[in-house]
């Protein structure tokens, strides 16, 4: 979700499974608010990997158009919950058995909301695609992303910049910076393809007090967004440094200072970064983060 790039993988990697029996989709069910407690308990087992789904449920509820998709659960024949997936624009999967992953992929073929990207831990996104795809097409874009995390004890240099929450007067500047990152990720500029919707989503994030900025002489120097937040984990995205300020340690200094404050609200702060963005990784490491895991993200 941060700094995606195209990776030539070859069609065999994403080819469909050979002919096999379809899963029993009766074990897949659409989740409602009645499943809220059970869903949150299931997701809490791996709080870092499931922070986005948990935050969506806390922020929007299970049944909400703001999720840009629908939540589904999968139960085995004994009735035990083995997976939860948000299937829609951003498809997020927490499947703890192969059967659950396969069933979610088949369910996603009939998604009311077109699937734009697929994310899951490890290589599960690739396995999901094999069941979801038609065997004739690759994902439009594929990338490996590194997970960076930080928690206390946390040593960081004092921040030299005035980091503050963005205001609605800065909506256009924030959206333009975020759109530039989105273009780097996916090759699509949301300010051109969905300007109204993109501005609305950016404005909502500002109203939630989840966009942090640094300005100098009217120029946005630094920006970072909280995409998801729980009592355990804060997930950051959209980390931006103005081109003329890059290579000067601004990003690591601002990120470090911001993170120090966020750790007063959660036990862990994390972010994802494309494996090829070495300079960004060095900035995150300088800010005190550590690389702890990786995952694959697919753009459909």
C-alpha atoms as a PDB file:
ATOM      1  CA  UNK A   1       0.000   0.000   0.000  1.00  0.00           C
ATOM      2  CA  UNK A   2       3.027   2.233   0.236  1.00  0.00           C
ATOM      3  CA  UNK A   3       5.313   2.555  -2.811  1.00  0.00           C
ATOM      4  CA  UNK A   4       4.020  -0.269  -5.023  1.00  0.00           C
ATOM      5  CA  UNK A   5       5.865  -1.108  -8.221  1.00  0.00           C
ATOM      6  CA  UNK A   6       5.408  -3.579 -11.068  1.00  0.00           C
ATOM      7  CA  UNK A   7       7.211  -6.914 -10.723  1.00  0.00           C
ATOM      8  CA  UNK A   8       7.440  -9.302 -13.672  1.00  0.00           C
ATOM      9  CA  UNK A   9       6.616 -12.654 -12.206  1.00  0.00           C
ATOM     10  CA  UNK A  10       5.487 -14.746 -15.175  1.00  0.00           C
ATOM     11  CA  UNK A  11       2.003 -16.102 -15.709  1.00  0.00           C
ATOM     12  CA  UNK A  12       2.774 -19.469 -14.124  1.00  0.00           C
ATOM     13  CA  UNK A  13       3.064 -17.856 -10.696  1.00  0.00           C
ATOM     14  CA  UNK A  14      -0.522 -16.661 -10.893  1.00  0.00           C
ATOM     15  CA  UNK A  15      -2.091 -19.421 -12.977  1.00  0.00           C
ATOM     16  CA  UNK A  16      -5.288 -20.948 -11.663  1.00  0.00           C
ATOM     17  CA  UNK A  17      -5.287 -24.218  -9.808  1.00  0.00           C
ATOM     18  CA  UNK A  18      -6.018 -27.311 -11.907  1.00  0.00           C
ATOM     19  CA  UNK A  19      -9.599 -28.503 -12.045  1.00  0.00           C
ATOM     20  CA  UNK A  20     -10.805 -29.198  -8.561  1.00  0.00           C
ATOM     21  CA  UNK A  21     -13.980 -29.171  -6.534  1.00  0.00           C
ATOM     22  CA  UNK A  22     -15.267 -25.748  -5.618  1.00  0.00           C
ATOM     23  CA  UNK A  23     -15.422 -25.047  -1.883  1.00  0.00           C
ATOM     24  CA  UNK A  24     -18.670 -25.327   0.000  1.00  0.00           C
ATOM     25  CA  UNK A  25     -19.694 -21.673   0.052  1.00  0.00           C
ATOM     26  CA  UNK A  26     -22.388 -22.475   2.596  1.00  0.00           C
ATOM     27  CA  UNK A  27     -19.552 -22.213   5.132  1.00  0.00           C
ATOM     28  CA  UNK A  28     -19.024 -18.591   4.085  1.00  0.00           C
ATOM     29  CA  UNK A  29     -21.422 -16.042   5.549  1.00  0.00           C
ATOM     30  CA  UNK A  30     -21.797 -12.296   5.350  1.00  0.00           C
ATOM     31  CA  UNK A  31     -21.065 -10.754   8.727  1.00  0.00           C
ATOM     32  CA  UNK A  32     -23.397  -8.315  10.464  1.00  0.00           C
ATOM     33  CA  UNK A  33     -23.208  -6.173  13.581  1.00  0.00           C
ATOM     34  CA  UNK A  34     -24.353  -9.249  15.509  1.00  0.00           C
ATOM     35  CA  UNK A  35     -20.923 -10.787  14.788  1.00  0.00           C
ATOM     36  CA  UNK A  36     -18.976  -7.721  15.976  1.00  0.00           C
ATOM     37  CA  UNK A  37     -17.682  -9.145  19.270  1.00  0.00           C
ATOM     38  CA  UNK A  38     -16.704 -12.491  17.728  1.00  0.00           C
ATOM     39  CA  UNK A  39     -14.966 -10.758  14.820  1.00  0.00           C
ATOM     40  CA  UNK A  40     -12.925  -8.454  17.053  1.00  0.00           C
ATOM     41  CA  UNK A  41     -11.853 -11.358  19.254  1.00  0.00           C
ATOM     42  CA  UNK A  42     -10.740 -13.329  16.198  1.00  0.00           C
ATOM     43  CA  UNK A  43      -8.783 -10.409  14.731  1.00  0.00           C
ATOM     44  CA  UNK A  44      -7.163  -9.553  18.085  1.00  0.00           C
ATOM     45  CA  UNK A  45      -5.113 -12.770  17.958  1.00  0.00           C
ATOM     46  CA  UNK A  46      -2.801 -11.099  15.408  1.00  0.00           C
ATOM     47  CA  UNK A  47      -3.283  -7.374  16.074  1.00  0.00           C
ATOM     48  CA  UNK A  48      -0.554  -6.032  13.772  1.00  0.00           C
ATOM     49  CA  UNK A  49      -1.626  -8.050  10.743  1.00  0.00           C
ATOM     50  CA  UNK A  50      -5.327  -7.324  11.216  1.00  0.00           C
ATOM     51  CA  UNK A  51      -5.203  -3.696  12.370  1.00  0.00           C
ATOM     52  CA  UNK A  52      -6.942  -2.348   9.261  1.00  0.00           C
ATOM     53  CA  UNK A  53      -9.971  -4.643   9.487  1.00  0.00           C
ATOM     54  CA  UNK A  54     -10.237  -4.063  13.233  1.00  0.00           C
ATOM     55  CA  UNK A  55     -10.046  -0.308  12.779  1.00  0.00           C
ATOM     56  CA  UNK A  56     -12.684  -0.365  10.028  1.00  0.00           C
ATOM     57  CA  UNK A  57     -15.054  -2.254  12.328  1.00  0.00           C
ATOM     58  CA  UNK A  58     -14.399   0.166  15.194  1.00  0.00           C
ATOM     59  CA  UNK A  59     -14.658   3.272  12.985  1.00  0.00           C
ATOM     60  CA  UNK A  60     -17.457   2.340  10.604  1.00  0.00           C
ATOM     61  CA  UNK A  61     -19.149  -0.799  11.892  1.00  0.00           C
ATOM     62  CA  UNK A  62     -19.236  -4.132  10.086  1.00  0.00           C
ATOM     63  CA  UNK A  63     -22.077  -3.071   7.771  1.00  0.00           C
ATOM     64  CA  UNK A  64     -21.053   0.262   6.244  1.00  0.00           C
ATOM     65  CA  UNK A  65     -20.499   1.680   2.762  1.00  0.00           C
ATOM     66  CA  UNK A  66     -17.428   3.411   4.211  1.00  0.00           C
ATOM     67  CA  UNK A  67     -15.676   0.024   4.238  1.00  0.00           C
ATOM     68  CA  UNK A  68     -15.999  -0.059   0.417  1.00  0.00           C
ATOM     69  CA  UNK A  69     -16.806  -3.752   0.627  1.00  0.00           C
ATOM     70  CA  UNK A  70     -18.467  -6.411   2.795  1.00  0.00           C
ATOM     71  CA  UNK A  71     -17.128  -8.482   5.674  1.00  0.00           C
ATOM     72  CA  UNK A  72     -17.384 -12.268   5.395  1.00  0.00           C
ATOM     73  CA  UNK A  73     -16.597 -15.056   7.833  1.00  0.00           C
ATOM     74  CA  UNK A  74     -15.797 -18.722   7.267  1.00  0.00           C
ATOM     75  CA  UNK A  75     -16.744 -21.506   9.690  1.00  0.00           C
ATOM     76  CA  UNK A  76     -15.564 -25.102   9.511  1.00  0.00           C
ATOM     77  CA  UNK A  77     -18.001 -28.007   9.795  1.00  0.00           C
ATOM     78  CA  UNK A  78     -17.833 -27.753  13.593  1.00  0.00           C
ATOM     79  CA  UNK A  79     -18.870 -24.101  13.503  1.00  0.00           C
ATOM     80  CA  UNK A  80     -15.448 -22.730  14.454  1.00  0.00           C
ATOM     81  CA  UNK A  81     -14.515 -19.411  12.855  1.00  0.00           C
ATOM     82  CA  UNK A  82     -11.415 -19.935  10.674  1.00  0.00           C
ATOM     83  CA  UNK A  83     -11.252 -16.725   8.696  1.00  0.00           C
ATOM     84  CA  UNK A  84     -12.497 -13.184   8.162  1.00  0.00           C
ATOM     85  CA  UNK A  85     -12.212 -11.220   4.945  1.00  0.00           C
ATOM     86  CA  UNK A  86     -13.204  -7.753   3.819  1.00  0.00           C
ATOM     87  CA  UNK A  87     -14.055  -8.295   0.149  1.00  0.00           C
ATOM     88  CA  UNK A  88     -14.330  -5.177  -1.977  1.00  0.00           C
ATOM     89  CA  UNK A  89     -12.177  -2.322  -3.293  1.00  0.00           C
ATOM     90  CA  UNK A  90      -9.382  -3.242  -0.893  1.00  0.00           C
ATOM     91  CA  UNK A  91      -9.688  -6.968  -0.189  1.00  0.00           C
ATOM     92  CA  UNK A  92      -8.115  -7.936   3.134  1.00  0.00           C
ATOM     93  CA  UNK A  93      -7.919 -11.561   4.211  1.00  0.00           C
ATOM     94  CA  UNK A  94      -7.144 -13.192   7.553  1.00  0.00           C
ATOM     95  CA  UNK A  95      -7.547 -16.897   6.767  1.00  0.00           C
ATOM     96  CA  UNK A  96      -6.096 -19.430   9.182  1.00  0.00           C
ATOM     97  CA  UNK A  97      -6.811 -22.494   7.024  1.00  0.00           C
ATOM     98  CA  UNK A  98      -6.369 -23.201   3.319  1.00  0.00           C
ATOM     99  CA  UNK A  99     -10.069 -24.000   3.078  1.00  0.00           C
ATOM    100  CA  UNK A 100     -11.036 -20.556   4.357  1.00  0.00           C
ATOM    101  CA  UNK A 101      -8.656 -18.795   1.943  1.00  0.00           C
ATOM    102  CA  UNK A 102     -10.009 -20.774  -1.016  1.00  0.00           C
ATOM    103  CA  UNK A 103     -13.627 -20.114  -0.049  1.00  0.00           C
ATOM    104  CA  UNK A 104     -13.045 -16.358   0.278  1.00  0.00           C
ATOM    105  CA  UNK A 105     -11.423 -16.295  -3.168  1.00  0.00           C
ATOM    106  CA  UNK A 106     -14.449 -17.992  -4.725  1.00  0.00           C
ATOM    107  CA  UNK A 107     -16.794 -15.616  -2.861  1.00  0.00           C
ATOM    108  CA  UNK A 108     -14.817 -12.622  -4.149  1.00  0.00           C
ATOM    109  CA  UNK A 109     -15.585 -13.604  -7.741  1.00  0.00           C
ATOM    110  CA  UNK A 110     -19.114 -12.273  -7.125  1.00  0.00           C
ATOM    111  CA  UNK A 111     -18.169  -9.143  -5.192  1.00  0.00           C
ATOM    112  CA  UNK A 112     -20.650  -6.291  -5.598  1.00  0.00           C
ATOM    113  CA  UNK A 113     -17.729  -3.867  -5.308  1.00  0.00           C
ATOM    114  CA  UNK A 114     -14.966  -4.406  -7.907  1.00  0.00           C
ATOM    115  CA  UNK A 115     -11.769  -5.739  -6.347  1.00  0.00           C
ATOM    116  CA  UNK A 116      -8.921  -3.225  -6.804  1.00  0.00           C
ATOM    117  CA  UNK A 117      -6.199  -4.738  -4.634  1.00  0.00           C
ATOM    118  CA  UNK A 118      -5.659  -7.859  -2.553  1.00  0.00           C
ATOM    119  CA  UNK A 119      -3.646  -7.928   0.661  1.00  0.00           C
ATOM    120  CA  UNK A 120      -2.872 -10.689   3.121  1.00  0.00           C
ATOM    121  CA  UNK A 121       0.099 -11.804   5.182  1.00  0.00           C
ATOM    122  CA  UNK A 122       2.981 -13.781   3.721  1.00  0.00           C
ATOM    123  CA  UNK A 123       2.189 -15.287   0.312  1.00  0.00           C
ATOM    124  CA  UNK A 124      -1.551 -15.697   0.934  1.00  0.00           C
ATOM    125  CA  UNK A 125      -2.435 -12.967  -1.578  1.00  0.00           C
ATOM    126  CA  UNK A 126      -0.803 -14.985  -4.363  1.00  0.00           C
ATOM    127  CA  UNK A 127      -2.634 -18.135  -3.297  1.00  0.00           C
ATOM    128  CA  UNK A 128      -5.888 -16.153  -3.151  1.00  0.00           C
ATOM    129  CA  UNK A 129      -5.320 -14.976  -6.734  1.00  0.00           C
ATOM    130  CA  UNK A 130      -4.870 -18.532  -7.996  1.00  0.00           C
ATOM    131  CA  UNK A 131      -8.387 -19.346  -6.815  1.00  0.00           C
ATOM    132  CA  UNK A 132      -9.858 -15.931  -7.656  1.00  0.00           C
ATOM    133  CA  UNK A 133      -8.377 -15.468 -11.162  1.00  0.00           C
ATOM    134  CA  UNK A 134      -9.287 -17.096 -14.429  1.00  0.00           C
ATOM    135  CA  UNK A 135      -5.837 -18.548 -15.145  1.00  0.00           C
ATOM    136  CA  UNK A 136      -5.411 -16.321 -18.204  1.00  0.00           C
ATOM    137  CA  UNK A 137      -4.376 -13.030 -16.636  1.00  0.00           C
ATOM    138  CA  UNK A 138      -1.778 -11.818 -14.179  1.00  0.00           C
ATOM    139  CA  UNK A 139      -2.484  -9.158 -11.583  1.00  0.00           C
ATOM    140  CA  UNK A 140      -1.948  -5.699 -13.069  1.00  0.00           C
ATOM    141  CA  UNK A 141       0.743  -4.971 -10.491  1.00  0.00           C
ATOM    142  CA  UNK A 142       2.462  -7.092  -7.882  1.00  0.00           C
ATOM    143  CA  UNK A 143       4.908  -6.145  -5.162  1.00  0.00           C
ATOM    144  CA  UNK A 144       6.560  -7.478  -2.077  1.00  0.00           C
ATOM    145  CA  UNK A 145       6.298  -5.145   0.876  1.00  0.00           C
ATOM    146  CA  UNK A 146       8.291  -5.047   4.058  1.00  0.00           C
ATOM    147  CA  UNK A 147       6.607  -4.526   7.406  1.00  0.00           C
ATOM    148  CA  UNK A 148       8.355  -2.034   9.693  1.00  0.00           C
ATOM    149  CA  UNK A 149       7.404  -1.806  13.361  1.00  0.00           C
ATOM    150  CA  UNK A 150       8.378   0.050  16.492  1.00  0.00           C
ATOM    151  CA  UNK A 151       7.414  -0.200  20.149  1.00  0.00           C
ATOM    152  CA  UNK A 152       8.876   0.848  23.479  1.00  0.00           C
ATOM    153  CA  UNK A 153      11.696   1.135  24.457  1.00  0.00           C
ATOM    154  CA  UNK A 154      12.108   3.688  21.707  1.00  0.00           C
ATOM    155  CA  UNK A 155      15.177   5.895  21.304  1.00  0.00           C
ATOM    156  CA  UNK A 156      14.810   8.779  18.882  1.00  0.00           C
ATOM    157  CA  UNK A 157      16.450  12.141  18.278  1.00  0.00           C
ATOM    158  CA  UNK A 158      14.412  15.216  19.281  1.00  0.00           C
ATOM    159  CA  UNK A 159      12.247  16.425  16.401  1.00  0.00           C
ATOM    160  CA  UNK A 160      13.277  19.791  14.985  1.00  0.00           C
ATOM    161  CA  UNK A 161      10.018  20.383  13.125  1.00  0.00           C
ATOM    162  CA  UNK A 162       6.554  21.492  14.190  1.00  0.00           C
ATOM    163  CA  UNK A 163       4.384  18.444  13.526  1.00  0.00           C
ATOM    164  CA  UNK A 164       0.668  19.140  13.789  1.00  0.00           C
ATOM    165  CA  UNK A 165      -2.709  17.887  12.609  1.00  0.00           C
ATOM    166  CA  UNK A 166      -3.809  18.965   9.144  1.00  0.00           C
ATOM    167  CA  UNK A 167      -6.764  21.314   8.784  1.00  0.00           C
ATOM    168  CA  UNK A 168      -9.543  21.403   6.196  1.00  0.00           C
ATOM    169  CA  UNK A 169      -7.927  24.505   4.681  1.00  0.00           C
ATOM    170  CA  UNK A 170      -5.067  22.202   3.678  1.00  0.00           C
ATOM    171  CA  UNK A 171      -7.283  19.543   2.071  1.00  0.00           C
ATOM    172  CA  UNK A 172      -6.072  20.197  -1.483  1.00  0.00           C
ATOM    173  CA  UNK A 173      -2.383  20.064  -0.539  1.00  0.00           C
ATOM    174  CA  UNK A 174      -2.877  16.888   1.503  1.00  0.00           C
ATOM    175  CA  UNK A 175      -4.847  15.234  -1.292  1.00  0.00           C
ATOM    176  CA  UNK A 176      -2.295  16.164  -3.945  1.00  0.00           C
ATOM    177  CA  UNK A 177       0.526  14.665  -1.856  1.00  0.00           C
ATOM    178  CA  UNK A 178      -1.476  11.504  -1.207  1.00  0.00           C
ATOM    179  CA  UNK A 179      -2.394  11.236  -4.881  1.00  0.00           C
ATOM    180  CA  UNK A 180       1.289  11.437  -5.828  1.00  0.00           C
ATOM    181  CA  UNK A 181       1.987   8.486  -3.513  1.00  0.00           C
ATOM    182  CA  UNK A 182      -0.991   6.572  -4.908  1.00  0.00           C
ATOM    183  CA  UNK A 183       0.343   7.100  -8.425  1.00  0.00           C
ATOM    184  CA  UNK A 184       3.719   5.710  -7.361  1.00  0.00           C
ATOM    185  CA  UNK A 185       1.939   2.710  -5.841  1.00  0.00           C
ATOM    186  CA  UNK A 186      -0.491   1.780  -8.566  1.00  0.00           C
ATOM    187  CA  UNK A 187       0.110   3.898 -11.644  1.00  0.00           C
ATOM    188  CA  UNK A 188      -3.315   5.489 -11.120  1.00  0.00           C
ATOM    189  CA  UNK A 189      -3.870   9.101 -10.018  1.00  0.00           C
ATOM    190  CA  UNK A 190      -7.071   9.156  -7.915  1.00  0.00           C
ATOM    191  CA  UNK A 191      -7.336  12.924  -8.324  1.00  0.00           C
ATOM    192  CA  UNK A 192      -7.950  12.265 -12.012  1.00  0.00           C
ATOM    193  CA  UNK A 193     -10.011   9.064 -11.847  1.00  0.00           C
ATOM    194  CA  UNK A 194     -12.165   9.801  -8.770  1.00  0.00           C
ATOM    195  CA  UNK A 195     -11.448  13.350  -7.631  1.00  0.00           C
ATOM    196  CA  UNK A 196     -14.713  13.859  -5.722  1.00  0.00           C
ATOM    197  CA  UNK A 197     -14.548  10.534  -3.877  1.00  0.00           C
ATOM    198  CA  UNK A 198     -10.846  10.884  -3.153  1.00  0.00           C
ATOM    199  CA  UNK A 199     -11.276  14.381  -1.711  1.00  0.00           C
ATOM    200  CA  UNK A 200     -14.182  13.147   0.424  1.00  0.00           C
ATOM    201  CA  UNK A 201     -12.111  10.281   1.834  1.00  0.00           C
ATOM    202  CA  UNK A 202      -9.161  12.595   2.491  1.00  0.00           C
ATOM    203  CA  UNK A 203     -11.428  15.127   4.191  1.00  0.00           C
ATOM    204  CA  UNK A 204     -12.862  12.421   6.422  1.00  0.00           C
ATOM    205  CA  UNK A 205      -9.384  11.380   7.502  1.00  0.00           C
ATOM    206  CA  UNK A 206      -8.536  14.989   8.316  1.00  0.00           C
ATOM    207  CA  UNK A 207     -11.771  15.301  10.318  1.00  0.00           C
ATOM    208  CA  UNK A 208     -10.783  12.142  12.224  1.00  0.00           C
ATOM    209  CA  UNK A 209      -7.522  13.913  13.156  1.00  0.00           C
ATOM    210  CA  UNK A 210      -5.428  11.246  11.464  1.00  0.00           C
ATOM    211  CA  UNK A 211      -3.360  13.365   9.071  1.00  0.00           C
ATOM    212  CA  UNK A 212      -0.127  14.894  10.375  1.00  0.00           C
ATOM    213  CA  UNK A 213       1.747  17.602   8.484  1.00  0.00           C
ATOM    214  CA  UNK A 214       4.717  19.951   8.632  1.00  0.00           C
ATOM    215  CA  UNK A 215       4.627  23.235   6.687  1.00  0.00           C
ATOM    216  CA  UNK A 216       7.415  25.731   6.083  1.00  0.00           C
ATOM    217  CA  UNK A 217       6.815  29.016   4.266  1.00  0.00           C
ATOM    218  CA  UNK A 218       3.554  27.705   2.870  1.00  0.00           C
ATOM    219  CA  UNK A 219       5.091  24.480   1.546  1.00  0.00           C
ATOM    220  CA  UNK A 220       4.088  21.064   2.848  1.00  0.00           C
ATOM    221  CA  UNK A 221       7.376  19.576   4.004  1.00  0.00           C
ATOM    222  CA  UNK A 222       6.122  16.293   5.484  1.00  0.00           C
ATOM    223  CA  UNK A 223       2.889  14.328   5.689  1.00  0.00           C
ATOM    224  CA  UNK A 224       1.863  11.025   7.251  1.00  0.00           C
ATOM    225  CA  UNK A 225      -1.562   9.439   7.723  1.00  0.00           C
ATOM    226  CA  UNK A 226      -2.977   7.074  10.285  1.00  0.00           C
ATOM    227  CA  UNK A 227      -4.856   4.574   8.135  1.00  0.00           C
ATOM    228  CA  UNK A 228      -5.973   2.384  11.004  1.00  0.00           C
ATOM    229  CA  UNK A 229      -5.831   2.601  14.791  1.00  0.00           C
ATOM    230  CA  UNK A 230      -6.672   0.266  17.653  1.00  0.00           C
ATOM    231  CA  UNK A 231      -5.654   0.285  21.290  1.00  0.00           C
ATOM    232  CA  UNK A 232      -2.799  -2.075  20.350  1.00  0.00           C
ATOM    233  CA  UNK A 233      -1.576  -0.868  16.959  1.00  0.00           C
ATOM    234  CA  UNK A 234      -1.412   2.256  14.797  1.00  0.00           C
ATOM    235  CA  UNK A 235      -0.823   1.667  11.088  1.00  0.00           C
ATOM    236  CA  UNK A 236       0.741   4.513   9.100  1.00  0.00           C
ATOM    237  CA  UNK A 237       0.635   5.190   5.385  1.00  0.00           C
ATOM    238  CA  UNK A 238       1.081   8.039   2.945  1.00  0.00           C
ATOM    239  CA  UNK A 239       4.455   9.139   4.303  1.00  0.00           C
ATOM    240  CA  UNK A 240       5.492  12.042   2.095  1.00  0.00           C
ATOM    241  CA  UNK A 241       8.451  14.415   2.009  1.00  0.00           C
ATOM    242  CA  UNK A 242       8.504  17.322  -0.448  1.00  0.00           C
ATOM    243  CA  UNK A 243      11.051  16.700  -3.237  1.00  0.00           C
ATOM    244  CA  UNK A 244      13.168  19.724  -2.356  1.00  0.00           C
ATOM    245  CA  UNK A 245      13.502  18.513   1.255  1.00  0.00           C
ATOM    246  CA  UNK A 246      14.499  14.926   0.504  1.00  0.00           C
ATOM    247  CA  UNK A 247      17.930  13.608   1.424  1.00  0.00           C
ATOM    248  CA  UNK A 248      18.240  15.981   4.378  1.00  0.00           C
ATOM    249  CA  UNK A 249      16.976  13.725   7.160  1.00  0.00           C
ATOM    250  CA  UNK A 250      13.638  15.528   7.331  1.00  0.00           C
ATOM    251  CA  UNK A 251      11.551  12.382   6.871  1.00  0.00           C
ATOM    252  CA  UNK A 252      13.277  10.334   9.576  1.00  0.00           C
ATOM    253  CA  UNK A 253      13.274  13.268  12.009  1.00  0.00           C
ATOM    254  CA  UNK A 254       9.569  13.993  11.524  1.00  0.00           C
ATOM    255  CA  UNK A 255       8.573  10.340  11.517  1.00  0.00           C
ATOM    256  CA  UNK A 256      10.554   9.718  14.690  1.00  0.00           C
ATOM    257  CA  UNK A 257       8.981  12.644  16.522  1.00  0.00           C
ATOM    258  CA  UNK A 258       5.498  11.725  15.378  1.00  0.00           C
ATOM    259  CA  UNK A 259       5.964   8.079  16.339  1.00  0.00           C
ATOM    260  CA  UNK A 260       7.097   9.004  19.830  1.00  0.00           C
ATOM    261  CA  UNK A 261       3.790  10.767  20.379  1.00  0.00           C
ATOM    262  CA  UNK A 262       1.750   7.944  18.834  1.00  0.00           C
ATOM    263  CA  UNK A 263       3.308   5.389  21.168  1.00  0.00           C
ATOM    264  CA  UNK A 264       1.484   7.177  23.980  1.00  0.00           C
ATOM    265  CA  UNK A 265      -1.750   5.947  22.326  1.00  0.00           C
ATOM    266  CA  UNK A 266      -0.824   2.415  21.214  1.00  0.00           C
ATOM    267  CA  UNK A 267       1.713  -0.282  22.017  1.00  0.00           C
ATOM    268  CA  UNK A 268       2.955  -0.618  18.433  1.00  0.00           C
ATOM    269  CA  UNK A 269       3.281   1.601  15.353  1.00  0.00           C
ATOM    270  CA  UNK A 270       3.818   0.008  11.954  1.00  0.00           C
ATOM    271  CA  UNK A 271       3.950   0.705   8.215  1.00  0.00           C
ATOM    272  CA  UNK A 272       4.535  -1.121   4.929  1.00  0.00           C
ATOM    273  CA  UNK A 273       7.064  -0.226   2.239  1.00  0.00           C
ATOM    274  CA  UNK A 274       7.858  -1.674  -1.166  1.00  0.00           C
ATOM    275  CA  UNK A 275      10.948  -3.857  -1.039  1.00  0.00           C
ATOM    276  CA  UNK A 276      12.692  -1.829  -3.750  1.00  0.00           C
ATOM    277  CA  UNK A 277      12.575   1.527  -1.943  1.00  0.00           C
ATOM    278  CA  UNK A 278      15.882   1.243  -0.151  1.00  0.00           C
ATOM    279  CA  UNK A 279      16.212   4.968   0.659  1.00  0.00           C
ATOM    280  CA  UNK A 280      12.823   4.972   2.334  1.00  0.00           C
ATOM    281  CA  UNK A 281      13.828   1.923   4.377  1.00  0.00           C
ATOM    282  CA  UNK A 282      16.968   3.681   5.566  1.00  0.00           C
ATOM    283  CA  UNK A 283      14.817   6.606   6.683  1.00  0.00           C
ATOM    284  CA  UNK A 284      12.498   4.297   8.632  1.00  0.00           C
ATOM    285  CA  UNK A 285      15.441   2.535  10.264  1.00  0.00           C
ATOM    286  CA  UNK A 286      16.945   5.896  11.200  1.00  0.00           C
ATOM    287  CA  UNK A 287      13.596   6.823  12.739  1.00  0.00           C
ATOM    288  CA  UNK A 288      13.843   3.743  14.981  1.00  0.00           C
ATOM    289  CA  UNK A 289      11.748   1.199  13.075  1.00  0.00           C
ATOM    290  CA  UNK A 290      12.702  -2.440  12.497  1.00  0.00           C
ATOM    291  CA  UNK A 291      11.820  -4.717   9.587  1.00  0.00           C
ATOM    292  CA  UNK A 292       9.876  -7.635  11.085  1.00  0.00           C
ATOM    293  CA  UNK A 293       7.943  -9.297   8.232  1.00  0.00           C
ATOM    294  CA  UNK A 294       6.900  -9.100   4.593  1.00  0.00           C
ATOM    295  CA  UNK A 295       3.796  -9.596   2.483  1.00  0.00           C
ATOM    296  CA  UNK A 296       2.607  -9.514  -1.119  1.00  0.00           C
ATOM    297  CA  UNK A 297       0.114  -7.004  -2.439  1.00  0.00           C
ATOM    298  CA  UNK A 298      -1.650  -7.491  -5.760  1.00  0.00           C
ATOM    299  CA  UNK A 299      -3.363  -4.802  -7.851  1.00  0.00           C
ATOM    300  CA  UNK A 300      -6.112  -6.300  -9.991  1.00  0.00           C
END
